[in-house]
N, C-alpha and C. Protein backbone atom coordinates (compact mmCIF):
# COMPACT_ATOMS: atom_id res chain seq x y z
N UNK A 1 0.57 -0.99 0.18
CA UNK A 1 0.24 0.01 -0.09
C UNK A 1 0.97 1.42 -0.17
N UNK A 2 2.08 0.94 0.44
CA UNK A 2 2.87 2.02 0.72
C UNK A 2 3.50 2.69 -0.65
N UNK A 3 3.31 2.23 -1.80
CA UNK A 3 3.51 2.35 -2.98
C UNK A 3 2.97 3.55 -3.63
N UNK A 4 2.13 3.38 -3.35
CA UNK A 4 1.01 4.48 -4.05
C UNK A 4 1.36 5.99 -3.57
N UNK A 5 1.08 5.93 -1.81
CA UNK A 5 0.49 6.46 -1.20
C UNK A 5 1.28 8.08 -1.27
N UNK A 6 2.50 8.79 -2.24
CA UNK A 6 2.47 10.04 -2.54
C UNK A 6 2.86 10.15 -3.80
N UNK A 7 2.63 8.98 -4.35
CA UNK A 7 2.34 9.01 -6.08
C UNK A 7 1.73 10.31 -6.25
N UNK A 8 0.72 9.98 -6.01
CA UNK A 8 -0.13 11.20 -6.22
C UNK A 8 -0.34 12.49 -6.39
N UNK A 9 0.64 13.03 -5.22
CA UNK A 9 1.31 13.80 -5.26
C UNK A 9 1.87 14.52 -6.29
N UNK A 10 3.09 13.94 -7.02
CA UNK A 10 3.83 13.99 -7.91
C UNK A 10 2.26 14.61 -9.38
N UNK A 11 1.54 13.80 -9.12
CA UNK A 11 0.93 13.65 -10.12
C UNK A 11 -0.21 15.28 -10.41
N UNK A 12 -0.64 15.77 -8.92
CA UNK A 12 -1.28 16.89 -8.55
C UNK A 12 -0.96 17.67 -9.31
N UNK A 13 0.57 18.19 -8.69
CA UNK A 13 0.88 19.36 -9.10
C UNK A 13 1.66 19.72 -10.62
N UNK A 14 1.33 18.68 -11.22
CA UNK A 14 1.03 19.31 -12.70
C UNK A 14 0.14 20.18 -13.21
N UNK A 15 -0.76 19.97 -12.54
CA UNK A 15 -1.90 20.99 -12.70
C UNK A 15 -1.67 22.28 -12.24
N UNK A 16 -0.61 22.91 -11.10
CA UNK A 16 -0.78 23.71 -10.95
C UNK A 16 -2.13 23.38 -9.36
N UNK A 17 -1.04 24.83 -8.82
CA UNK A 17 -2.24 24.77 -7.62
C UNK A 17 -3.23 26.14 -7.92
N UNK A 18 -4.40 25.80 -7.28
CA UNK A 18 -5.78 26.61 -7.46
C UNK A 18 -6.28 27.76 -6.38
N UNK A 19 -7.12 27.88 -7.05
CA UNK A 19 -7.51 28.92 -5.92
C UNK A 19 -8.07 28.44 -4.47
N UNK A 20 -8.64 26.96 -4.77
CA UNK A 20 -9.28 25.94 -3.48
C UNK A 20 -8.36 25.88 -2.39
N UNK A 21 -7.07 25.87 -2.90
CA UNK A 21 -6.03 26.29 -1.08
C UNK A 21 -6.84 27.30 -0.40
N UNK A 22 -7.21 28.44 -0.95
CA UNK A 22 -7.05 29.27 0.22
C UNK A 22 -8.75 28.93 0.96
N UNK A 23 -9.62 28.43 -0.04
CA UNK A 23 -10.36 28.06 0.85
C UNK A 23 -10.63 26.89 1.86
N UNK A 24 -9.75 26.06 1.95
CA UNK A 24 -9.46 24.81 2.40
C UNK A 24 -8.22 24.72 3.44
N UNK A 25 -8.17 25.01 4.80
CA UNK A 25 -7.08 24.76 6.02
C UNK A 25 -6.51 23.81 5.15
N UNK A 26 -5.16 24.02 6.31
CA UNK A 26 -3.82 23.21 5.90
C UNK A 26 -4.55 21.71 6.14
N UNK A 27 -5.08 21.52 7.47
CA UNK A 27 -5.85 20.57 8.07
C UNK A 27 -6.07 19.86 6.84
N UNK A 28 -7.16 20.51 6.14
CA UNK A 28 -8.15 19.64 5.11
C UNK A 28 -7.74 19.34 3.82
N UNK A 29 -6.25 20.32 3.32
CA UNK A 29 -6.03 19.84 2.51
C UNK A 29 -5.25 18.64 2.78
N UNK A 30 -4.35 18.65 3.63
CA UNK A 30 -3.76 17.17 3.94
C UNK A 30 -4.49 15.66 4.15
N UNK A 31 -5.65 15.93 5.05
CA UNK A 31 -7.19 15.04 5.15
C UNK A 31 -7.18 14.53 3.35
N UNK A 32 -7.31 15.14 2.99
CA UNK A 32 -7.89 15.05 1.93
C UNK A 32 -6.95 14.34 0.87
N UNK A 33 -5.50 14.68 1.13
CA UNK A 33 -5.13 14.07 0.04
C UNK A 33 -4.26 12.83 0.42
N UNK A 34 -4.47 12.77 2.37
CA UNK A 34 -4.07 11.61 2.59
C UNK A 34 -4.92 10.48 2.13
N UNK A 35 -6.54 10.99 2.13
CA UNK A 35 -7.70 9.79 1.91
C UNK A 35 -7.61 9.25 0.71
N UNK A 36 -6.95 10.53 -0.49
CA UNK A 36 -7.14 9.89 -1.97
C UNK A 36 -6.04 9.06 -1.75
N UNK A 37 -4.81 8.76 -0.87
CA UNK A 37 -3.89 7.93 -1.39
C UNK A 37 -3.76 6.61 -0.79
N UNK A 38 -5.25 6.44 0.22
CA UNK A 38 -5.60 5.48 0.99
C UNK A 38 -6.34 4.78 -0.10
N UNK A 39 -7.25 5.65 -1.22
CA UNK A 39 -8.29 4.47 -1.67
C UNK A 39 -6.86 4.28 -2.73
N UNK A 40 -5.97 4.97 -3.46
CA UNK A 40 -5.35 4.59 -4.29
C UNK A 40 -4.59 3.64 -4.33
N UNK A 41 -3.92 3.20 -2.38
CA UNK A 41 -3.10 2.34 -2.15
C UNK A 41 -4.32 0.90 -2.49
N UNK A 42 -5.32 1.12 -1.97
CA UNK A 42 -6.37 0.17 -1.42
C UNK A 42 -6.64 -0.72 -3.07
N UNK A 43 -6.80 0.44 -4.25
CA UNK A 43 -7.24 0.06 -5.32
C UNK A 43 -5.42 -0.69 -5.72
N UNK A 44 -4.62 -0.64 -5.61
CA UNK A 44 -3.17 -0.84 -6.21
C UNK A 44 -2.94 -2.24 -5.98
N UNK A 45 -3.61 -2.49 -4.06
CA UNK A 45 -3.15 -3.50 -3.54
C UNK A 45 -4.28 -4.41 -4.13
N UNK A 46 -5.54 -4.05 -4.82
CA UNK A 46 -6.42 -5.29 -5.09
C UNK A 46 -5.95 -5.94 -7.00
N UNK A 47 -5.10 -4.68 -7.36
CA UNK A 47 -4.40 -5.32 -8.38
C UNK A 47 -3.42 -6.57 -8.22
N UNK A 48 -2.63 -6.08 -6.98
CA UNK A 48 -1.27 -6.40 -6.84
C UNK A 48 -1.71 -8.10 -6.88
N UNK A 49 -2.57 -7.93 -5.96
CA UNK A 49 -2.75 -9.00 -5.36
C UNK A 49 -3.83 -10.53 -6.18
N UNK A 50 -4.46 -10.26 -7.33
CA UNK A 50 -4.39 -10.62 -8.32
C UNK A 50 -3.66 -10.71 -9.25
N UNK A 51 -2.99 -9.75 -9.49
CA UNK A 51 -1.88 -10.22 -11.05
C UNK A 51 -0.35 -10.30 -10.86
N UNK A 52 -0.16 -9.91 -9.57
CA UNK A 52 1.45 -9.85 -9.18
C UNK A 52 1.51 -11.20 -8.26
N UNK A 53 1.32 -11.24 -7.19
CA UNK A 53 1.68 -11.73 -5.83
C UNK A 53 0.36 -12.76 -6.07
N UNK A 54 -0.40 -12.82 -7.20
CA UNK A 54 -1.31 -13.74 -7.38
C UNK A 54 -1.64 -14.97 -6.27
N UNK A 55 -2.01 -14.24 -4.96
CA UNK A 55 -2.64 -15.25 -3.16
C UNK A 55 -3.87 -15.06 -3.63
N UNK A 56 -4.84 -13.89 -4.69
CA UNK A 56 -5.87 -14.40 -4.91
C UNK A 56 -6.52 -14.62 -6.43
N UNK A 57 -7.47 -15.00 -6.42
CA UNK A 57 -8.19 -15.39 -7.87
C UNK A 57 -8.18 -14.19 -8.88
N UNK A 58 -8.00 -14.62 -10.31
CA UNK A 58 -7.90 -13.26 -10.80
C UNK A 58 -9.62 -12.93 -11.66
N UNK A 59 -9.81 -11.87 -11.08
CA UNK A 59 -11.30 -11.24 -11.41
C UNK A 59 -10.94 -10.36 -12.29
N UNK A 60 -10.96 -10.49 -13.35
CA UNK A 60 -10.91 -8.97 -14.45
C UNK A 60 -11.32 -7.71 -14.18
N UNK A 61 -13.05 -8.23 -13.77
CA UNK A 61 -14.01 -7.17 -13.40
C UNK A 61 -13.40 -6.45 -12.58
N UNK A 62 -12.92 -6.82 -11.66
CA UNK A 62 -12.40 -6.14 -10.46
C UNK A 62 -10.94 -5.28 -10.65
N UNK A 63 -9.94 -6.19 -11.61
CA UNK A 63 -8.85 -5.38 -11.96
C UNK A 63 -9.19 -4.19 -12.77
N UNK A 64 -10.48 -4.22 -13.30
CA UNK A 64 -10.20 -3.12 -14.47
C UNK A 64 -10.88 -1.90 -13.51
N UNK A 65 -11.67 -2.06 -12.48
CA UNK A 65 -12.31 -1.00 -11.99
C UNK A 65 -11.54 -0.49 -11.42
N UNK A 66 -10.62 -1.33 -10.54
CA UNK A 66 -9.50 -0.66 -9.59
C UNK A 66 -8.86 0.20 -10.64
N UNK A 67 -8.50 -0.17 -11.45
CA UNK A 67 -7.60 0.51 -12.64
C UNK A 67 -7.87 1.96 -13.26
N UNK A 68 -9.22 1.72 -13.65
CA UNK A 68 -10.12 2.66 -13.82
C UNK A 68 -9.96 3.80 -12.55
N UNK A 69 -9.91 3.69 -11.35
CA UNK A 69 -10.28 4.19 -9.86
C UNK A 69 -9.28 4.97 -9.86
N UNK A 70 -7.63 4.28 -9.87
CA UNK A 70 -6.76 4.74 -9.81
C UNK A 70 -6.22 5.84 -10.91
N UNK A 71 -6.75 5.44 -12.06
CA UNK A 71 -5.81 6.65 -13.04
C UNK A 71 -6.96 7.85 -12.67
N UNK A 72 -8.24 7.30 -12.17
CA UNK A 72 -9.37 9.06 -11.94
C UNK A 72 -8.57 9.79 -11.03
N UNK A 73 -7.85 9.43 -9.77
CA UNK A 73 -7.53 9.43 -8.79
C UNK A 73 -6.28 10.64 -9.33
N UNK A 74 -5.51 9.77 -9.87
CA UNK A 74 -4.37 10.36 -10.33
C UNK A 74 -4.30 11.56 -11.91
N UNK A 75 -5.55 11.58 -12.06
CA UNK A 75 -5.63 12.81 -13.16
C UNK A 75 -6.71 13.79 -12.41
N UNK A 76 -6.88 13.74 -10.93
CA UNK A 76 -8.55 14.04 -10.51
C UNK A 76 -8.24 15.84 -10.15
N UNK A 77 -7.05 16.28 -10.34
CA UNK A 77 -6.77 17.60 -9.96
C UNK A 77 -6.76 17.73 -8.43
N UNK A 78 -6.04 16.76 -7.77
CA UNK A 78 -5.78 17.02 -6.36
C UNK A 78 -4.92 18.07 -6.26
N UNK A 79 -4.00 18.76 -7.15
CA UNK A 79 -3.21 19.89 -6.65
C UNK A 79 -3.51 20.80 -5.73
N UNK A 80 -4.29 20.96 -5.71
CA UNK A 80 -5.40 21.80 -4.95
C UNK A 80 -5.15 21.63 -3.66
N UNK A 81 -4.68 20.49 -2.91
CA UNK A 81 -4.32 19.66 -2.00
C UNK A 81 -2.91 19.76 -1.08
N UNK A 82 -2.47 20.69 -2.58
CA UNK A 82 -0.54 21.15 -2.11
C UNK A 82 -0.69 22.58 -1.81
N UNK A 83 -1.03 23.45 -1.05
CA UNK A 83 -0.65 24.50 -0.50
C UNK A 83 0.86 24.54 0.09
N UNK A 84 2.04 25.53 -0.20
CA UNK A 84 2.84 25.43 0.27
C UNK A 84 3.01 25.21 1.56
N UNK A 85 2.19 25.54 2.73
CA UNK A 85 2.17 25.32 3.88
C UNK A 85 1.73 24.60 4.29
N UNK A 86 1.62 23.02 3.20
CA UNK A 86 0.91 22.28 3.83
C UNK A 86 2.42 21.19 4.05
N UNK A 87 3.55 21.87 3.69
CA UNK A 87 4.74 21.19 3.92
C UNK A 87 4.75 20.64 5.14
N UNK A 88 4.35 21.16 6.22
CA UNK A 88 4.27 20.76 7.98
C UNK A 88 2.57 20.72 8.07
N UNK A 89 2.61 19.96 9.24
CA UNK A 89 1.18 19.82 9.64
C UNK A 89 0.78 18.12 9.39
N UNK A 90 -0.80 18.14 9.76
CA UNK A 90 -1.50 16.96 10.34
C UNK A 90 -3.03 16.78 9.64
N UNK A 91 -2.95 15.94 9.32
CA UNK A 91 -4.28 15.57 8.64
C UNK A 91 -4.66 14.38 9.14
N UNK A 92 -4.94 13.36 8.96
CA UNK A 92 -5.35 12.15 9.38
C UNK A 92 -3.85 11.67 10.65
N UNK A 93 -3.27 11.63 10.35
CA UNK A 93 -2.04 12.01 10.92
C UNK A 93 -0.65 13.16 9.88
N UNK A 94 0.37 13.12 11.05
CA UNK A 94 1.43 13.72 10.17
C UNK A 94 1.99 13.64 8.65
N UNK A 95 1.71 15.09 7.96
CA UNK A 95 2.40 14.62 6.85
C UNK A 95 3.83 14.32 6.46
N UNK A 96 3.98 13.62 5.17
CA UNK A 96 5.65 13.33 5.44
C UNK A 96 6.25 13.88 4.49
N UNK A 97 5.03 14.61 3.73
CA UNK A 97 5.76 15.74 2.36
C UNK A 97 7.33 16.62 2.61
N UNK A 98 8.03 16.57 1.75
CA UNK A 98 9.67 17.25 1.96
C UNK A 98 9.27 18.21 1.70
N UNK A 99 9.77 19.56 2.20
CA UNK A 99 10.04 20.78 1.84
C UNK A 99 10.54 20.99 0.31
N UNK A 100 10.83 19.55 -0.08
CA UNK A 100 12.08 20.05 -1.58
C UNK A 100 10.93 19.94 -2.48
N UNK A 101 9.75 19.03 -2.39
CA UNK A 101 8.85 18.85 -2.91
C UNK A 101 8.70 20.70 -3.74
N UNK A 102 8.47 21.55 -2.61
CA UNK A 102 8.44 22.93 -3.45
C UNK A 102 9.22 23.55 -4.31
N UNK A 103 9.98 23.08 -3.94
CA UNK A 103 12.13 23.83 -4.58
C UNK A 103 12.25 23.04 -5.89
N UNK A 104 11.63 21.95 -5.93
CA UNK A 104 11.61 21.04 -7.02
C UNK A 104 10.50 20.81 -8.35
N UNK A 105 9.70 21.68 -8.23
CA UNK A 105 8.40 21.78 -8.74
C UNK A 105 8.38 21.49 -10.07
N UNK A 106 9.23 21.91 -11.27
CA UNK A 106 9.24 21.40 -12.67
C UNK A 106 9.74 19.42 -12.33
N UNK A 107 10.36 19.43 -11.35
CA UNK A 107 10.73 18.06 -11.30
C UNK A 107 9.53 17.30 -11.06
N UNK A 108 8.73 17.90 -9.77
CA UNK A 108 7.94 17.08 -9.46
C UNK A 108 6.55 16.84 -11.03
N UNK A 109 6.43 17.99 -11.30
CA UNK A 109 5.69 18.05 -12.75
C UNK A 109 6.20 16.59 -13.54
N UNK A 110 7.39 16.73 -13.82
CA UNK A 110 7.53 15.71 -14.77
C UNK A 110 7.18 14.43 -14.37
N UNK A 111 7.06 13.90 -12.83
CA UNK A 111 7.24 12.67 -12.80
C UNK A 111 5.33 12.87 -12.31
N UNK A 112 4.91 13.66 -11.97
CA UNK A 112 3.55 13.67 -12.05
C UNK A 112 3.07 12.79 -13.37
N UNK A 113 3.66 13.75 -14.43
CA UNK A 113 3.00 13.35 -15.72
C UNK A 113 3.37 12.03 -16.60
N UNK A 114 4.10 11.69 -15.50
CA UNK A 114 4.87 10.26 -16.01
C UNK A 114 3.58 8.97 -15.39
N UNK A 115 3.05 9.52 -13.87
CA UNK A 115 2.34 8.78 -13.34
C UNK A 115 0.97 8.97 -14.07
N UNK A 116 0.48 10.26 -14.15
CA UNK A 116 -0.82 10.01 -14.71
C UNK A 116 -1.07 8.63 -15.96
N UNK A 117 0.28 9.35 -17.62
CA UNK A 117 0.29 8.24 -18.07
C UNK A 117 0.58 7.34 -17.94
N UNK A 118 0.99 6.51 -17.10
CA UNK A 118 1.21 4.95 -16.49
C UNK A 118 0.00 4.72 -15.69
N UNK A 119 -0.55 5.77 -14.87
CA UNK A 119 -2.34 4.49 -14.42
C UNK A 119 -3.06 4.75 -16.13
N UNK A 120 -2.95 6.12 -16.55
CA UNK A 120 -3.81 6.11 -17.72
C UNK A 120 -3.49 4.16 -18.14
N UNK A 121 -2.77 4.16 -18.80
CA UNK A 121 -2.07 2.77 -19.33
C UNK A 121 -2.54 1.74 -18.76
N UNK A 122 -2.52 1.86 -17.14
CA UNK A 122 -2.81 0.28 -16.53
C UNK A 122 -4.65 0.44 -16.79
N UNK A 123 -5.45 0.93 -16.85
CA UNK A 123 -6.62 1.02 -16.92
C UNK A 123 -6.85 0.56 -18.61
N UNK A 124 -6.15 1.50 -19.11
CA UNK A 124 -6.34 0.21 -20.80
C UNK A 124 -5.68 -0.86 -20.74
N UNK A 125 -4.65 -1.86 -20.34
CA UNK A 125 -4.47 -2.57 -20.21
C UNK A 125 -5.17 -3.48 -19.52
N UNK A 126 -5.64 -3.39 -17.96
CA UNK A 126 -6.41 -4.14 -17.35
C UNK A 126 -7.95 -4.37 -18.20
N UNK A 127 -8.31 -3.14 -19.21
CA UNK A 127 -9.39 -3.70 -20.28
C UNK A 127 -9.36 -5.30 -20.96
N UNK A 128 -8.49 -5.43 -21.14
CA UNK A 128 -7.85 -6.40 -21.75
C UNK A 128 -7.61 -7.81 -20.92
N UNK A 129 -8.09 -7.73 -19.95
CA UNK A 129 -8.35 -9.11 -19.30
C UNK A 129 -6.77 -9.71 -19.27
N UNK A 130 -5.64 -9.58 -20.05
CA UNK A 130 -4.28 -9.85 -20.08
C UNK A 130 -3.61 -9.94 -18.69
N UNK A 131 -3.45 -10.70 -18.05
CA UNK A 131 -2.94 -10.99 -16.45
C UNK A 131 -1.71 -10.55 -16.64
N UNK A 132 -0.86 -11.28 -17.69
CA UNK A 132 0.56 -11.08 -17.63
C UNK A 132 0.51 -9.38 -18.20
N UNK A 133 0.13 -8.91 -19.06
CA UNK A 133 -0.21 -7.55 -18.89
C UNK A 133 -0.21 -6.26 -18.26
N UNK A 134 -1.15 -6.58 -17.39
CA UNK A 134 -1.88 -6.27 -16.62
C UNK A 134 -0.28 -5.95 -15.52
N UNK A 135 0.38 -7.41 -15.32
CA UNK A 135 1.39 -7.18 -14.31
C UNK A 135 2.23 -6.27 -14.40
N UNK A 136 2.78 -5.94 -16.16
CA UNK A 136 4.14 -5.48 -16.59
C UNK A 136 3.65 -4.04 -16.45
N UNK A 137 2.09 -3.74 -16.87
CA UNK A 137 1.75 -2.27 -16.45
C UNK A 137 1.72 -2.26 -14.96
N UNK A 138 1.20 -2.70 -14.26
CA UNK A 138 1.13 -2.59 -12.97
C UNK A 138 2.36 -2.21 -11.99
N UNK A 139 3.67 -2.74 -12.70
CA UNK A 139 4.99 -2.54 -12.32
C UNK A 139 5.52 -1.11 -12.55
N UNK A 140 5.10 -0.71 -13.51
CA UNK A 140 5.34 0.53 -14.71
C UNK A 140 4.71 1.71 -13.78
N UNK A 141 3.62 1.37 -13.78
CA UNK A 141 2.97 2.09 -12.63
C UNK A 141 3.25 2.47 -10.80
N UNK A 142 3.47 2.05 -10.39
CA UNK A 142 4.03 1.58 -9.49
C UNK A 142 5.60 2.24 -9.21
N UNK A 143 6.61 1.79 -10.43
CA UNK A 143 7.48 2.31 -10.24
C UNK A 143 7.53 3.88 -10.68
N UNK A 144 6.46 4.55 -11.17
CA UNK A 144 6.08 5.90 -11.38
C UNK A 144 6.03 6.02 -9.90
N UNK A 145 5.16 5.69 -9.30
CA UNK A 145 4.80 6.03 -7.86
C UNK A 145 6.19 6.60 -7.07
N UNK A 146 7.01 5.29 -7.00
CA UNK A 146 8.13 5.29 -6.34
C UNK A 146 8.81 6.41 -6.40
N UNK A 147 8.92 7.07 -7.81
CA UNK A 147 9.82 8.23 -7.85
C UNK A 147 9.35 9.25 -7.26
N UNK A 148 8.27 9.36 -6.77
CA UNK A 148 8.30 10.63 -5.87
C UNK A 148 8.38 10.11 -4.69
N UNK A 149 8.55 8.84 -4.32
CA UNK A 149 8.68 8.74 -2.78
C UNK A 149 9.78 9.00 -2.35
N UNK A 150 10.73 8.51 -3.19
CA UNK A 150 12.16 8.27 -3.18
C UNK A 150 12.43 9.73 -3.02
N UNK A 151 12.07 10.83 -3.61
CA UNK A 151 12.36 12.10 -3.63
C UNK A 151 12.02 13.19 -2.48
N UNK A 152 10.47 12.95 -2.60
CA UNK A 152 9.37 13.71 -1.61
C UNK A 152 8.84 13.39 -0.74
N UNK A 153 9.28 11.83 -0.29
CA UNK A 153 8.51 11.75 1.24
C UNK A 153 8.86 11.03 2.40
N UNK A 154 8.79 12.00 3.18
CA UNK A 154 9.99 11.48 4.76
C UNK A 154 9.28 9.86 5.18
N UNK A 155 10.60 9.11 5.88
CA UNK A 155 10.40 8.11 6.21
C UNK A 155 9.19 8.15 7.31
N UNK A 156 8.49 6.62 7.72
CA UNK A 156 7.96 7.01 9.00
C UNK A 156 8.57 6.82 9.93
């Protein structure tokens, strides 16, 4: 589940910060993005269990629904939940966003664009029902998540 948690952050900044930031408290912004990551992670784990770890039976319709949800969250415009003041604070738990995130917005945007692209491809590949192809694209998607984690998320 931890594979995904900050990946959305990268995808969100690609679209810039909006006026919504001013309408929400720091706590609400952090809660919103933490909630999005929890949902995203739950869906990633559903796919992983069926096509990567193969610890659950492969149910194509479940994998397809999870992949569509992942792509939707990745491209949902949650950049509004990344106000500069959200580098510190608590939502459901303390944020782990590193300050470097805001110092390297161009790089974050590149990572975000790749994440959005890979999640879109995951949704497309999932529609084929090809378990091996889904597993390969799942790994590319997870790798794109990890790019943000390695650079912009502090350890617990």
